[in-house]
Amino acid sequence: MRVDELFLQRQLQQELIRTQQKQEPNIPQFFGELKGIEFKTEKEPSFIDTLKQMIQEVNQLQQESKQKQEDFIKGEPVEIHDVMIAAEKAKTSFQLLMEIRNKFLDFYREIIRLQI
């Protein structure tokens, strides 16, 4: 949970306790049920998780391209355009991954050069 959500939940619980102590007739009874409600947040993927997933996808595309090339060479019924499309997808995704790596290294080098 994020800090602001915890703070908001705590304020809501305190307000509910105060209103229940007053027992005002115009306050609905379902406010008492709100005490048990907790805010749930999903864990967002980190940069490392995203990078790992991207590497796995690039690897999968490379393997698919290699398999289609081998099938074509063996004479199995594979269309040449499918082989070329798979090869270009693998090549493009690998180039993108290399550019991301290069930008990350540039960023790292820039941080190292910073004066503290």
Protein backbone atom coordinates (compact mmCIF):
# COMPACT_ATOMS: atom_id res chain seq x y z
CA MET A 1 0.00 0.00 0.00
CA ARG A 2 1.14 3.48 -0.69
CA VAL A 3 1.56 5.95 2.16
CA ASP A 4 -1.21 8.27 0.98
CA GLU A 5 -3.65 5.35 0.76
CA LEU A 6 -2.74 4.28 4.29
CA PHE A 7 -3.20 7.83 5.53
CA LEU A 8 -6.57 8.10 3.81
CA GLN A 9 -7.69 4.76 5.21
CA ARG A 10 -6.62 5.78 8.71
CA GLN A 11 -8.55 9.07 8.44
CA LEU A 12 -11.65 7.22 7.24
CA GLN A 13 -11.45 4.77 10.14
CA GLN A 14 -11.03 7.59 12.68
CA GLU A 15 -13.99 9.48 11.21
CA LEU A 16 -16.12 6.34 11.37
CA ILE A 17 -15.22 5.81 15.01
CA ARG A 18 -16.14 9.41 15.86
CA THR A 19 -19.48 9.18 14.05
CA GLN A 20 -20.33 5.88 15.71
CA GLN A 21 -19.59 7.37 19.12
CA LYS A 22 -21.98 10.24 18.44
CA GLN A 23 -24.67 7.84 17.17
CA GLU A 24 -26.38 10.48 15.11
CA PRO A 25 -29.63 9.23 13.54
CA ASN A 26 -28.96 10.67 10.07
CA ILE A 27 -25.75 8.63 9.53
CA PRO A 28 -26.38 5.40 7.61
CA GLN A 29 -25.59 2.16 9.43
CA PHE A 30 -23.40 0.76 6.63
CA PHE A 31 -20.54 3.09 7.66
CA GLY A 32 -19.73 0.57 10.38
CA GLU A 33 -19.00 -2.01 7.70
CA LEU A 34 -16.35 0.21 6.09
CA LYS A 35 -13.84 -0.47 8.87
CA GLY A 36 -12.85 -3.83 7.40
CA ILE A 37 -12.29 -2.53 3.88
CA GLU A 38 -8.66 -2.39 2.84
CA PHE A 39 -7.36 -0.74 -0.27
CA LYS A 40 -5.54 -3.19 -2.51
CA THR A 41 -2.95 -2.11 -5.01
CA GLU A 42 -1.31 -4.29 -7.58
CA LYS A 43 2.44 -4.42 -7.69
CA GLU A 44 3.67 -2.58 -10.74
CA PRO A 45 6.41 -4.34 -12.69
CA SER A 46 9.86 -2.93 -12.09
CA PHE A 47 12.32 -1.86 -14.78
CA ILE A 48 14.26 -5.10 -14.29
CA ASP A 49 11.11 -7.21 -14.76
CA THR A 50 10.25 -5.32 -17.93
CA LEU A 51 13.78 -5.73 -19.25
CA LYS A 52 13.78 -9.46 -18.49
CA GLN A 53 10.46 -9.87 -20.28
CA MET A 54 11.77 -7.97 -23.29
CA ILE A 55 14.89 -10.16 -23.45
CA GLN A 56 12.75 -13.29 -23.28
CA GLU A 57 10.53 -12.03 -26.11
CA VAL A 58 13.56 -11.21 -28.28
CA ASN A 59 14.99 -14.65 -27.57
CA GLN A 60 11.69 -16.29 -28.49
CA LEU A 61 11.54 -14.38 -31.79
CA GLN A 62 15.14 -15.41 -32.56
CA GLN A 63 14.32 -19.07 -31.88
CA GLU A 64 11.17 -18.94 -34.02
CA SER A 65 13.13 -17.37 -36.87
CA LYS A 66 15.84 -20.02 -36.61
CA GLN A 67 13.24 -22.81 -36.59
CA LYS A 68 11.48 -21.46 -39.69
CA GLN A 69 14.81 -21.13 -41.50
CA GLU A 70 15.74 -24.71 -40.63
CA ASP A 71 12.32 -25.97 -41.73
CA PHE A 72 12.66 -24.13 -45.04
CA ILE A 73 16.15 -25.55 -45.64
CA LYS A 74 14.92 -29.07 -44.89
CA GLY A 75 12.23 -28.64 -47.54
CA GLU A 76 9.25 -28.67 -45.23
CA PRO A 77 6.14 -26.73 -46.32
CA VAL A 78 7.12 -23.27 -45.14
CA GLU A 79 6.53 -20.18 -47.25
CA ILE A 80 9.56 -18.03 -48.00
CA HIS A 81 7.75 -14.85 -47.00
CA ASP A 82 7.02 -16.35 -43.55
CA VAL A 83 10.72 -17.08 -43.15
CA MET A 84 11.66 -13.54 -44.19
CA ILE A 85 9.03 -11.93 -41.94
CA ALA A 86 10.19 -13.97 -38.93
CA ALA A 87 13.82 -13.02 -39.65
CA GLU A 88 12.97 -9.31 -39.92
CA LYS A 89 10.92 -9.39 -36.70
CA ALA A 90 13.82 -11.03 -34.87
CA LYS A 91 16.31 -8.57 -36.35
CA THR A 92 14.21 -5.50 -35.54
CA SER A 93 13.47 -6.59 -31.98
CA PHE A 94 17.16 -7.32 -31.39
CA GLN A 95 18.12 -3.90 -32.74
CA LEU A 96 15.58 -2.26 -30.42
CA LEU A 97 16.99 -4.18 -27.46
CA MET A 98 20.51 -3.08 -28.36
CA GLU A 99 19.41 0.57 -28.62
CA ILE A 100 17.77 0.36 -25.21
CA ARG A 101 20.97 -1.14 -23.82
CA ASN A 102 23.06 1.60 -25.42
CA LYS A 103 20.81 4.35 -24.03
CA PHE A 104 20.92 2.76 -20.60
CA LEU A 105 24.73 2.62 -20.72
CA ASP A 106 24.87 6.27 -21.81
CA PHE A 107 22.60 7.16 -18.91
CA TYR A 108 24.80 5.17 -16.51
CA ARG A 109 27.95 6.88 -17.76
CA GLU A 110 26.31 10.28 -17.38
CA ILE A 111 25.38 9.48 -13.76
CA ILE A 112 28.94 8.36 -13.04
CA ARG A 113 30.25 11.72 -14.36
CA LEU A 114 27.99 13.78 -12.10
CA GLN A 115 29.71 15.75 -9.36
CA ILE A 116 28.24 15.29 -5.90
